[in-house]
Protein backbone atom coordinates (compact mmCIF):
# COMPACT_ATOMS: atom_id res chain seq x y z
CA UNK A 1 -17.29 5.78 -9.43
CA UNK A 2 -17.14 3.34 -6.83
CA UNK A 3 -14.35 1.19 -5.33
CA UNK A 4 -13.52 -1.58 -3.25
CA UNK A 5 -10.29 -1.56 -1.49
CA UNK A 6 -9.04 -4.63 0.47
CA UNK A 7 -5.69 -4.00 2.36
CA UNK A 8 -3.37 -6.73 3.99
CA UNK A 9 -2.94 -4.76 7.40
CA UNK A 10 -4.96 -3.44 10.25
CA UNK A 11 -3.24 -0.62 11.12
CA UNK A 12 -0.76 1.41 8.47
CA UNK A 13 -2.93 0.94 5.35
CA UNK A 14 -6.17 1.58 7.14
CA UNK A 15 -4.53 5.10 8.09
CA UNK A 16 -2.41 6.09 4.94
CA UNK A 17 -4.96 4.98 2.28
CA UNK A 18 -7.94 6.99 3.53
CA UNK A 19 -5.49 10.12 3.77
CA UNK A 20 -3.44 9.59 0.39
CA UNK A 21 -6.71 9.08 -1.44
CA UNK A 22 -8.13 12.34 0.22
CA UNK A 23 -5.22 14.04 -1.13
CA UNK A 24 -5.36 12.75 -4.36
CA UNK A 25 -9.06 12.05 -5.24
CA UNK A 26 -10.67 14.13 -2.81
CA UNK A 27 -14.06 13.76 -4.81
CA UNK A 28 -14.17 10.04 -3.19
CA UNK A 29 -15.80 9.68 -0.04
CA UNK A 30 -15.59 6.80 2.41
CA UNK A 31 -18.54 4.52 3.10
CA UNK A 32 -18.60 2.41 6.02
CA UNK A 33 -21.37 -0.23 4.60
CA UNK A 34 -22.00 -1.10 1.30
CA UNK A 35 -25.57 -0.15 1.59
CA UNK A 36 -24.51 3.30 1.87
CA UNK A 37 -22.76 3.57 -1.64
CA UNK A 38 -24.25 6.24 -3.83
CA UNK A 39 -21.70 7.54 -6.54
CA UNK A 40 -18.01 8.55 -5.98
CA UNK A 41 -17.56 6.20 -2.74
CA UNK A 42 -14.92 4.01 -2.01
CA UNK A 43 -15.16 0.99 0.52
CA UNK A 44 -12.11 0.18 2.59
CA UNK A 45 -11.46 -2.89 4.18
CA UNK A 46 -8.74 -4.73 5.89
CA UNK A 47 -7.72 -8.54 4.60
CA UNK A 48 -5.93 -9.66 8.17
CA UNK A 49 -2.94 -10.29 6.54
CA UNK A 50 -1.34 -13.10 4.56
CA UNK A 51 -3.13 -15.69 4.07
CA UNK A 52 -6.49 -14.60 5.14
CA UNK A 53 -6.41 -11.97 2.44
CA UNK A 54 -7.06 -13.87 -0.40
CA UNK A 55 -10.20 -15.46 1.24
CA UNK A 56 -11.31 -11.70 1.68
CA UNK A 57 -10.86 -10.52 -1.77
CA UNK A 58 -12.56 -13.96 -3.06
CA UNK A 59 -15.61 -12.61 -0.47
CA UNK A 60 -15.07 -8.79 -1.97
CA UNK A 61 -15.57 -10.26 -5.62
CA UNK A 62 -19.01 -12.07 -4.31
CA UNK A 63 -19.69 -8.65 -2.38
CA UNK A 64 -19.29 -6.16 -5.53
CA UNK A 65 -20.91 -9.06 -7.54
CA UNK A 66 -23.63 -9.12 -5.51
CA UNK A 67 -24.20 -5.14 -5.42
CA UNK A 68 -23.45 -4.90 -9.16
CA UNK A 69 -26.24 -7.11 -9.74
CA UNK A 70 -29.01 -4.87 -8.05
CA UNK A 71 -28.66 -2.84 -10.91
CA UNK A 72 -28.65 0.81 -8.98
CA UNK A 73 -25.57 1.62 -8.31
CA UNK A 74 -22.28 -0.08 -9.14
CA UNK A 75 -18.72 -1.00 -8.14
CA UNK A 76 -16.21 0.05 -10.76
CA UNK A 77 -13.02 -1.52 -9.26
CA UNK A 78 -11.65 -3.86 -6.90
CA UNK A 79 -8.24 -2.63 -5.75
CA UNK A 80 -6.10 -4.99 -3.90
CA UNK A 81 -2.94 -3.47 -2.01
CA UNK A 82 -0.18 -5.69 0.25
CA UNK A 83 2.96 -6.46 0.85
CA UNK A 84 4.94 -8.76 -1.31
CA UNK A 85 7.41 -9.58 1.81
CA UNK A 86 9.16 -12.59 0.58
CA UNK A 87 7.23 -13.65 -2.37
CA UNK A 88 6.71 -11.54 -5.84
CA UNK A 89 3.76 -10.32 -8.13
CA UNK A 90 3.32 -13.60 -9.73
CA UNK A 91 2.55 -15.56 -6.47
CA UNK A 92 0.47 -12.90 -5.36
CA UNK A 93 -1.88 -13.11 -8.40
CA UNK A 94 -1.91 -16.96 -8.52
CA UNK A 95 -2.96 -17.09 -5.12
CA UNK A 96 -5.84 -15.22 -5.64
CA UNK A 97 -6.93 -16.64 -8.77
CA UNK A 98 -6.60 -20.06 -6.97
CA UNK A 99 -8.91 -18.61 -4.29
CA UNK A 100 -11.15 -17.35 -6.69
CA UNK A 101 -11.18 -20.75 -8.75
CA UNK A 102 -11.65 -22.77 -5.60
CA UNK A 103 -14.77 -20.71 -4.36
CA UNK A 104 -16.37 -20.55 -7.88
CA UNK A 105 -16.10 -16.77 -8.12
CA UNK A 106 -16.67 -14.85 -11.32
CA UNK A 107 -15.40 -11.17 -11.88
CA UNK A 108 -18.61 -9.88 -13.77
CA UNK A 109 -18.45 -5.98 -14.87
CA UNK A 110 -15.59 -4.65 -12.89
CA UNK A 111 -11.83 -4.60 -13.08
CA UNK A 112 -9.86 -6.47 -10.39
CA UNK A 113 -6.36 -4.71 -10.10
CA UNK A 114 -3.54 -5.72 -7.48
CA UNK A 115 -1.34 -2.93 -6.09
CA UNK A 116 1.65 -4.64 -3.92
CA UNK A 117 4.04 -2.77 -1.73
CA UNK A 118 7.59 -4.01 -2.67
CA UNK A 119 8.42 -4.99 -0.27
CA UNK A 120 6.47 -3.60 2.31
CA UNK A 121 4.80 -0.03 2.52
CA UNK A 122 7.78 0.48 4.74
CA UNK A 123 9.92 0.39 1.75
CA UNK A 124 7.88 3.10 0.21
CA UNK A 125 8.02 5.46 3.30
CA UNK A 126 11.88 5.23 3.18
CA UNK A 127 11.62 6.74 -0.52
CA UNK A 128 11.28 10.22 1.59
CA UNK A 129 14.93 12.08 0.59
CA UNK A 130 14.01 14.93 2.96
CA UNK A 131 13.54 12.98 6.02
CA UNK A 132 16.73 10.56 5.09
CA UNK A 133 20.00 12.24 6.83
CA UNK A 134 22.87 11.94 4.73
CA UNK A 135 24.97 12.85 7.68
CA UNK A 136 23.75 10.23 10.40
CA UNK A 137 25.00 10.59 13.94
CA UNK A 138 23.13 7.95 15.37
CA UNK A 139 25.49 4.49 15.51
CA UNK A 140 22.71 2.18 14.27
CA UNK A 141 21.76 4.60 11.52
CA UNK A 142 24.74 4.61 10.47
CA UNK A 143 25.19 1.27 10.34
CA UNK A 144 21.82 1.10 8.18
CA UNK A 145 23.26 3.64 5.63
CA UNK A 146 26.71 1.95 5.22
CA UNK A 147 24.56 -1.27 4.59
CA UNK A 148 22.36 0.28 2.05
CA UNK A 149 22.04 4.09 1.05
CA UNK A 150 18.08 4.21 0.66
CA UNK A 151 18.66 8.38 -0.06
CA UNK A 152 20.57 6.99 -3.24
CA UNK A 153 19.39 3.73 -4.03
CA UNK A 154 15.99 2.41 -4.69
CA UNK A 155 14.37 0.93 -1.24
CA UNK A 156 12.60 -1.30 -2.65
CA UNK A 157 15.56 -3.58 -3.94
CA UNK A 158 17.07 -3.47 -0.23
CA UNK A 159 17.62 -6.84 1.42
CA UNK A 160 18.19 -7.98 5.06
CA UNK A 161 21.13 -6.26 6.54
CA UNK A 162 20.83 -8.03 9.46
CA UNK A 163 18.86 -11.74 8.76
CA UNK A 164 19.94 -12.83 12.46
CA UNK A 165 17.76 -10.54 14.25
CA UNK A 166 15.18 -9.98 11.41
CA UNK A 167 13.37 -13.20 9.83
CA UNK A 168 12.54 -11.41 6.74
CA UNK A 169 13.32 -8.28 4.59
CA UNK A 170 9.76 -6.30 5.42
CA UNK A 171 10.95 -6.46 9.31
CA UNK A 172 14.32 -4.83 8.42
CA UNK A 173 12.91 -2.36 6.61
CA UNK A 174 10.36 -1.14 9.17
CA UNK A 175 13.43 -1.02 11.68
CA UNK A 176 15.23 0.82 9.14
CA UNK A 177 12.66 3.32 9.02
CA UNK A 178 12.18 3.50 12.57
CA UNK A 179 16.11 4.34 13.17
CA UNK A 180 15.79 6.94 10.45
CA UNK A 181 13.18 8.76 11.96
CA UNK A 182 15.02 8.69 15.37
CA UNK A 183 17.61 10.22 13.83
CA UNK A 184 15.30 13.26 12.69
CA UNK A 185 14.08 13.14 16.54
CA UNK A 186 10.83 11.74 14.83
CA UNK A 187 8.65 8.80 15.78
CA UNK A 188 7.33 6.03 13.53
CA UNK A 189 4.95 2.99 14.07
CA UNK A 190 2.59 0.66 12.46
CA UNK A 191 -0.36 2.37 14.43
CA UNK A 192 1.43 6.04 14.72
CA UNK A 193 1.71 7.23 10.87
CA UNK A 194 0.49 10.92 11.06
CA UNK A 195 3.66 11.92 9.33
CA UNK A 196 3.07 9.49 6.38
CA UNK A 197 -0.53 11.12 6.17
CA UNK A 198 0.66 14.34 5.13
CA UNK A 199 0.37 15.53 1.83
CA UNK A 200 4.15 16.82 2.02
CA UNK A 201 4.99 13.16 2.78
CA UNK A 202 3.08 11.98 -0.06
CA UNK A 203 4.50 14.73 -2.14
CA UNK A 204 7.74 14.00 -1.71
CA UNK A 205 7.37 9.89 -2.29
CA UNK A 206 5.80 11.14 -5.85
CA UNK A 207 8.84 13.28 -6.61
CA UNK A 208 11.49 10.41 -5.79
CA UNK A 209 9.33 7.95 -8.29
CA UNK A 210 9.20 11.18 -10.96
CA UNK A 211 12.71 12.17 -10.65
CA UNK A 212 14.39 8.65 -10.45
CA UNK A 213 11.92 5.74 -11.37
CA UNK A 214 12.29 4.42 -7.85
CA UNK A 215 9.39 2.87 -5.78
CA UNK A 216 8.19 1.55 -8.77
CA UNK A 217 5.38 -0.26 -7.16
CA UNK A 218 4.20 2.97 -5.11
CA UNK A 219 4.12 4.38 -8.57
CA UNK A 220 1.66 2.00 -9.95
CA UNK A 221 -0.82 2.89 -7.44
CA UNK A 222 -0.02 6.63 -7.86
CA UNK A 223 -0.78 6.36 -11.68
CA UNK A 224 -3.52 4.45 -11.29
CA UNK A 225 -5.12 6.75 -8.74
CA UNK A 226 -4.48 9.98 -10.84
CA UNK A 227 -5.55 8.62 -14.25
CA UNK A 228 -8.51 6.31 -13.24
CA UNK A 229 -9.90 7.70 -9.99
CA UNK A 230 -10.38 11.17 -11.21
CA UNK A 231 -14.07 13.10 -11.91
CA UNK A 232 -15.55 12.27 -15.44
């Protein structure tokens, strides 16, 4: 089994997804070039944000068709992982389909699966109930918790609590996470994801999803990996 993965960002996703795959599917090894493909490999590529990721998905389809046409080794899945931001899943699927049709790309002999982060990957990270502090001390964190308690309520459904400061929900979720970490004397930034890469952090998100049904888009990705990307 081999997997081609296109993620939206060049920082967070490129650090966290390899760490999580190493925990959930350790038999898969990462390759840096498609000509290194053997078996039980994955190739991870950044799409450079929206809208450029849609063009990269189209190019990925062409890459996979070329590899699979060779007949020696096969890529089974193309996974696309990106933030919904202000949009929804229907918009993302439509943009991918429009781009594929415009480029004359045909999906042949593999599956293309889209896994969105609703609203962003930081929205998933906010689901760690052990990091969340229910009796905050920092004034900024108190304001965030009063607006929306991510320890009790689904972080994916949180809106923008400060539209004058943040133009998108994703920006607000990112800042909420930074302040939540600061309350614990921890640090988070898009290029500093060491905590999220730990198995203990991943396990907390899995527990949140299983216990509450929250983090549904995270759960979709997790269920796929644990059911479809395991050794056969």
